[in-house]
Amino acid sequence: MKSPIIRQILLFGIVSAVISLVLACAGFGIVEFYKIKDESVSRVSSQIDMLAYNLQPTLLFDDKDAANKILLSLKDDPSINKAVLYQTNGEVFAMYGGACQKI
């Protein structure tokens, strides 16, 4: 039979090993979380930049009827109540939704 002091030393060794393992796993998880988060932010940011660059030419309208048709297609999206395209002088060029004022 083992003496109580040996049991206590073995128990202490097992508990300290378990605590070390838990802390190592927690640290690894936190590092991976922030790594994935940073990569996701970077990826989304580059996608937004690419999308904005590609949308820029499509937002240059010279045909009022075409602009109105494109804005009217927004009626299927319930989160959009009003959309307006303004001319550089502030006059409304095309719109979908409620009344608009000159900007």
N, C-alpha and C. Protein backbone atom coordinates (compact mmCIF):
# COMPACT_ATOMS: atom_id res chain seq x y z
N MET A 1 0.83 -1.17 0.00
CA MET A 1 0.00 0.00 0.00
C MET A 1 0.88 1.25 0.00
N LYS A 2 0.46 2.24 -0.81
CA LYS A 2 1.26 3.46 -0.92
C LYS A 2 0.99 4.36 0.28
N SER A 3 2.00 5.11 0.61
CA SER A 3 1.84 6.02 1.75
C SER A 3 1.02 7.24 1.33
N PRO A 4 0.37 7.91 2.27
CA PRO A 4 -0.46 9.08 1.96
C PRO A 4 0.34 10.20 1.30
N ILE A 5 1.58 10.36 1.63
CA ILE A 5 2.37 11.43 1.04
C ILE A 5 2.61 11.16 -0.45
N ILE A 6 2.82 9.89 -0.82
CA ILE A 6 3.02 9.54 -2.24
C ILE A 6 1.72 9.77 -3.01
N ARG A 7 0.59 9.41 -2.41
CA ARG A 7 -0.70 9.65 -3.06
C ARG A 7 -0.92 11.14 -3.28
N GLN A 8 -0.58 11.94 -2.31
CA GLN A 8 -0.76 13.39 -2.44
C GLN A 8 0.14 13.96 -3.54
N ILE A 9 1.36 13.46 -3.61
CA ILE A 9 2.27 13.92 -4.66
C ILE A 9 1.75 13.51 -6.04
N LEU A 10 1.27 12.27 -6.18
CA LEU A 10 0.70 11.82 -7.45
C LEU A 10 -0.55 12.62 -7.82
N LEU A 11 -1.39 12.87 -6.84
CA LEU A 11 -2.61 13.65 -7.09
C LEU A 11 -2.26 15.07 -7.51
N PHE A 12 -1.28 15.66 -6.83
CA PHE A 12 -0.83 17.00 -7.19
C PHE A 12 -0.28 17.02 -8.62
N GLY A 13 0.49 16.02 -9.01
CA GLY A 13 1.03 15.92 -10.36
C GLY A 13 -0.06 15.80 -11.41
N ILE A 14 -1.06 14.97 -11.12
CA ILE A 14 -2.17 14.79 -12.07
C ILE A 14 -2.98 16.08 -12.20
N VAL A 15 -3.29 16.72 -11.08
CA VAL A 15 -4.08 17.96 -11.11
C VAL A 15 -3.31 19.06 -11.84
N SER A 16 -2.03 19.20 -11.57
CA SER A 16 -1.25 20.24 -12.25
C SER A 16 -1.14 19.95 -13.75
N ALA A 17 -1.05 18.69 -14.13
CA ALA A 17 -1.00 18.33 -15.55
C ALA A 17 -2.33 18.66 -16.23
N VAL A 18 -3.43 18.37 -15.57
CA VAL A 18 -4.75 18.68 -16.13
C VAL A 18 -4.93 20.19 -16.27
N ILE A 19 -4.54 20.93 -15.24
CA ILE A 19 -4.65 22.39 -15.31
C ILE A 19 -3.79 22.94 -16.45
N SER A 20 -2.59 22.44 -16.60
CA SER A 20 -1.71 22.88 -17.70
C SER A 20 -2.33 22.58 -19.05
N LEU A 21 -2.91 21.40 -19.20
CA LEU A 21 -3.56 21.02 -20.46
C LEU A 21 -4.74 21.92 -20.76
N VAL A 22 -5.56 22.21 -19.76
CA VAL A 22 -6.73 23.09 -19.95
C VAL A 22 -6.28 24.49 -20.34
N LEU A 23 -5.28 25.02 -19.67
CA LEU A 23 -4.78 26.36 -20.00
C LEU A 23 -4.18 26.41 -21.40
N ALA A 24 -3.45 25.37 -21.78
CA ALA A 24 -2.86 25.33 -23.12
C ALA A 24 -3.95 25.29 -24.19
N CYS A 25 -4.98 24.48 -23.96
CA CYS A 25 -6.09 24.40 -24.93
C CYS A 25 -6.83 25.73 -25.01
N ALA A 26 -7.05 26.37 -23.87
CA ALA A 26 -7.74 27.67 -23.87
C ALA A 26 -6.91 28.71 -24.61
N GLY A 27 -5.61 28.74 -24.37
CA GLY A 27 -4.73 29.68 -25.07
C GLY A 27 -4.72 29.45 -26.56
N PHE A 28 -4.64 28.19 -26.96
CA PHE A 28 -4.66 27.85 -28.38
C PHE A 28 -5.99 28.28 -29.02
N GLY A 29 -7.09 28.04 -28.32
CA GLY A 29 -8.41 28.43 -28.83
C GLY A 29 -8.54 29.93 -29.00
N ILE A 30 -8.03 30.69 -28.04
CA ILE A 30 -8.11 32.15 -28.13
C ILE A 30 -7.27 32.67 -29.29
N VAL A 31 -6.07 32.14 -29.45
CA VAL A 31 -5.21 32.57 -30.55
C VAL A 31 -5.86 32.25 -31.89
N GLU A 32 -6.41 31.06 -32.04
CA GLU A 32 -7.07 30.68 -33.29
C GLU A 32 -8.30 31.54 -33.57
N PHE A 33 -9.06 31.87 -32.52
CA PHE A 33 -10.24 32.71 -32.69
C PHE A 33 -9.85 34.07 -33.26
N TYR A 34 -8.84 34.70 -32.67
CA TYR A 34 -8.42 36.01 -33.16
C TYR A 34 -7.78 35.93 -34.54
N LYS A 35 -7.08 34.85 -34.82
CA LYS A 35 -6.48 34.66 -36.14
C LYS A 35 -7.57 34.54 -37.20
N ILE A 36 -8.59 33.72 -36.93
CA ILE A 36 -9.70 33.56 -37.88
C ILE A 36 -10.47 34.85 -38.02
N LYS A 37 -10.68 35.56 -36.91
CA LYS A 37 -11.40 36.83 -36.94
C LYS A 37 -10.66 37.84 -37.81
N ASP A 38 -9.35 37.97 -37.62
CA ASP A 38 -8.57 38.91 -38.41
C ASP A 38 -8.58 38.54 -39.90
N GLU A 39 -8.48 37.25 -40.20
CA GLU A 39 -8.53 36.81 -41.60
C GLU A 39 -9.89 37.11 -42.20
N SER A 40 -10.96 36.91 -41.44
CA SER A 40 -12.31 37.17 -41.94
C SER A 40 -12.51 38.65 -42.21
N VAL A 41 -12.05 39.50 -41.30
CA VAL A 41 -12.18 40.94 -41.49
C VAL A 41 -11.40 41.37 -42.73
N SER A 42 -10.21 40.83 -42.89
CA SER A 42 -9.40 41.17 -44.05
C SER A 42 -10.07 40.72 -45.34
N ARG A 43 -10.63 39.50 -45.34
CA ARG A 43 -11.28 38.97 -46.53
C ARG A 43 -12.53 39.79 -46.88
N VAL A 44 -13.34 40.11 -45.87
CA VAL A 44 -14.56 40.89 -46.11
C VAL A 44 -14.21 42.29 -46.60
N SER A 45 -13.18 42.88 -46.02
CA SER A 45 -12.76 44.21 -46.44
C SER A 45 -12.33 44.22 -47.90
N SER A 46 -11.57 43.22 -48.31
CA SER A 46 -11.14 43.18 -49.71
C SER A 46 -12.32 42.90 -50.64
N GLN A 47 -13.28 42.09 -50.19
CA GLN A 47 -14.47 41.84 -51.01
C GLN A 47 -15.30 43.11 -51.16
N ILE A 48 -15.42 43.89 -50.09
CA ILE A 48 -16.17 45.14 -50.16
C ILE A 48 -15.49 46.12 -51.11
N ASP A 49 -14.15 46.20 -51.02
CA ASP A 49 -13.42 47.09 -51.93
C ASP A 49 -13.64 46.67 -53.38
N MET A 50 -13.58 45.36 -53.64
CA MET A 50 -13.78 44.87 -55.00
C MET A 50 -15.21 45.15 -55.47
N LEU A 51 -16.19 44.92 -54.60
CA LEU A 51 -17.58 45.16 -54.95
C LEU A 51 -17.82 46.64 -55.23
N ALA A 52 -17.28 47.51 -54.39
CA ALA A 52 -17.46 48.95 -54.59
C ALA A 52 -16.83 49.40 -55.90
N TYR A 53 -15.65 48.86 -56.21
CA TYR A 53 -14.99 49.21 -57.46
C TYR A 53 -15.81 48.76 -58.66
N ASN A 54 -16.39 47.55 -58.58
CA ASN A 54 -17.16 47.03 -59.69
C ASN A 54 -18.53 47.68 -59.82
N LEU A 55 -19.08 48.20 -58.73
CA LEU A 55 -20.39 48.83 -58.80
C LEU A 55 -20.32 50.27 -59.29
N GLN A 56 -19.19 50.88 -59.17
CA GLN A 56 -19.07 52.28 -59.51
C GLN A 56 -19.55 52.59 -60.93
N PRO A 57 -19.14 51.85 -61.95
CA PRO A 57 -19.61 52.17 -63.30
C PRO A 57 -21.11 51.93 -63.48
N THR A 58 -21.69 50.97 -62.75
CA THR A 58 -23.11 50.69 -62.93
C THR A 58 -23.98 51.75 -62.31
N LEU A 59 -23.43 52.58 -61.46
CA LEU A 59 -24.22 53.63 -60.84
C LEU A 59 -24.19 54.93 -61.62
N LEU A 60 -23.53 54.93 -62.75
CA LEU A 60 -23.50 56.12 -63.60
C LEU A 60 -24.59 55.99 -64.66
N PHE A 61 -25.74 56.61 -64.41
CA PHE A 61 -26.89 56.49 -65.30
C PHE A 61 -26.99 57.73 -66.19
N ASP A 62 -27.34 57.50 -67.46
CA ASP A 62 -27.65 58.63 -68.33
C ASP A 62 -29.04 58.48 -68.93
N ASP A 63 -29.70 57.35 -68.69
CA ASP A 63 -31.07 57.11 -69.16
C ASP A 63 -32.00 57.07 -67.95
N LYS A 64 -32.88 58.06 -67.85
CA LYS A 64 -33.76 58.18 -66.69
C LYS A 64 -34.69 56.99 -66.56
N ASP A 65 -35.21 56.48 -67.67
CA ASP A 65 -36.13 55.32 -67.62
C ASP A 65 -35.41 54.07 -67.11
N ALA A 66 -34.19 53.85 -67.56
CA ALA A 66 -33.42 52.69 -67.10
C ALA A 66 -33.14 52.81 -65.61
N ALA A 67 -32.81 54.01 -65.16
CA ALA A 67 -32.54 54.21 -63.73
C ALA A 67 -33.80 53.94 -62.91
N ASN A 68 -34.96 54.43 -63.38
CA ASN A 68 -36.22 54.19 -62.66
C ASN A 68 -36.55 52.70 -62.61
N LYS A 69 -36.29 51.97 -63.69
CA LYS A 69 -36.57 50.53 -63.71
C LYS A 69 -35.67 49.79 -62.72
N ILE A 70 -34.41 50.17 -62.68
CA ILE A 70 -33.50 49.51 -61.74
C ILE A 70 -33.90 49.81 -60.30
N LEU A 71 -34.27 51.05 -60.02
CA LEU A 71 -34.72 51.40 -58.67
C LEU A 71 -36.03 50.70 -58.33
N LEU A 72 -36.92 50.54 -59.30
CA LEU A 72 -38.19 49.86 -59.07
C LEU A 72 -37.98 48.39 -58.73
N SER A 73 -36.88 47.82 -59.19
CA SER A 73 -36.58 46.42 -58.86
C SER A 73 -36.28 46.25 -57.36
N LEU A 74 -36.06 47.33 -56.67
CA LEU A 74 -35.79 47.27 -55.22
C LEU A 74 -37.05 47.03 -54.41
N LYS A 75 -38.22 47.09 -55.03
CA LYS A 75 -39.47 46.91 -54.28
C LYS A 75 -39.59 45.51 -53.69
N ASP A 76 -38.86 44.54 -54.22
CA ASP A 76 -38.90 43.18 -53.69
C ASP A 76 -38.13 43.04 -52.37
N ASP A 77 -37.32 44.02 -52.06
CA ASP A 77 -36.56 43.98 -50.80
C ASP A 77 -37.31 44.80 -49.75
N PRO A 78 -37.91 44.14 -48.75
CA PRO A 78 -38.71 44.87 -47.77
C PRO A 78 -37.90 45.81 -46.88
N SER A 79 -36.58 45.68 -46.86
CA SER A 79 -35.76 46.56 -46.02
C SER A 79 -35.48 47.90 -46.69
N ILE A 80 -35.83 48.05 -47.98
CA ILE A 80 -35.59 49.30 -48.70
C ILE A 80 -36.92 50.00 -48.92
N ASN A 81 -37.10 51.14 -48.28
CA ASN A 81 -38.34 51.91 -48.42
C ASN A 81 -38.24 52.96 -49.51
N LYS A 82 -37.03 53.48 -49.71
CA LYS A 82 -36.87 54.56 -50.67
C LYS A 82 -35.44 54.53 -51.21
N ALA A 83 -35.30 54.77 -52.50
CA ALA A 83 -33.98 54.88 -53.13
C ALA A 83 -34.03 56.04 -54.10
N VAL A 84 -33.01 56.87 -54.09
CA VAL A 84 -33.00 58.08 -54.91
C VAL A 84 -31.64 58.24 -55.56
N LEU A 85 -31.65 58.62 -56.83
CA LEU A 85 -30.43 59.01 -57.54
C LEU A 85 -30.52 60.51 -57.82
N TYR A 86 -29.50 61.23 -57.40
CA TYR A 86 -29.47 62.68 -57.58
C TYR A 86 -28.49 63.05 -58.68
N GLN A 87 -28.79 64.16 -59.34
CA GLN A 87 -27.85 64.73 -60.29
C GLN A 87 -26.81 65.52 -59.50
N THR A 88 -25.74 65.91 -60.15
CA THR A 88 -24.69 66.65 -59.44
C THR A 88 -25.18 68.00 -58.93
N ASN A 89 -26.22 68.56 -59.54
CA ASN A 89 -26.75 69.84 -59.07
C ASN A 89 -27.76 69.67 -57.92
N GLY A 90 -28.01 68.44 -57.49
CA GLY A 90 -28.90 68.18 -56.38
C GLY A 90 -30.34 67.85 -56.77
N GLU A 91 -30.66 67.94 -58.05
CA GLU A 91 -32.00 67.59 -58.51
C GLU A 91 -32.16 66.07 -58.53
N VAL A 92 -33.40 65.61 -58.29
CA VAL A 92 -33.69 64.18 -58.33
C VAL A 92 -33.64 63.71 -59.78
N PHE A 93 -32.86 62.66 -60.03
CA PHE A 93 -32.76 62.09 -61.36
C PHE A 93 -33.73 60.92 -61.51
N ALA A 94 -33.76 60.04 -60.53
CA ALA A 94 -34.67 58.90 -60.52
C ALA A 94 -34.90 58.50 -59.08
N MET A 95 -36.07 57.87 -58.82
CA MET A 95 -36.35 57.50 -57.45
C MET A 95 -37.33 56.34 -57.37
N TYR A 96 -37.29 55.67 -56.23
CA TYR A 96 -38.26 54.65 -55.88
C TYR A 96 -38.70 54.95 -54.46
N GLY A 97 -39.98 55.02 -54.20
CA GLY A 97 -40.47 55.25 -52.85
C GLY A 97 -41.09 56.61 -52.71
N GLY A 98 -41.05 57.15 -51.48
CA GLY A 98 -41.73 58.41 -51.14
C GLY A 98 -41.10 59.63 -51.77
N ALA A 99 -41.68 60.79 -51.43
CA ALA A 99 -41.25 62.06 -51.99
C ALA A 99 -39.84 62.39 -51.51
N CYS A 100 -39.09 63.08 -52.39
CA CYS A 100 -37.72 63.44 -52.06
C CYS A 100 -37.54 64.94 -52.24
N GLN A 101 -36.59 65.49 -51.50
CA GLN A 101 -36.29 66.90 -51.60
C GLN A 101 -34.94 67.07 -52.28
N LYS A 102 -34.73 68.27 -52.78
CA LYS A 102 -33.43 68.61 -53.38
C LYS A 102 -32.38 68.61 -52.28
N ILE A 103 -31.21 68.07 -52.59
CA ILE A 103 -30.12 68.10 -51.58
C ILE A 103 -29.17 69.23 -51.85
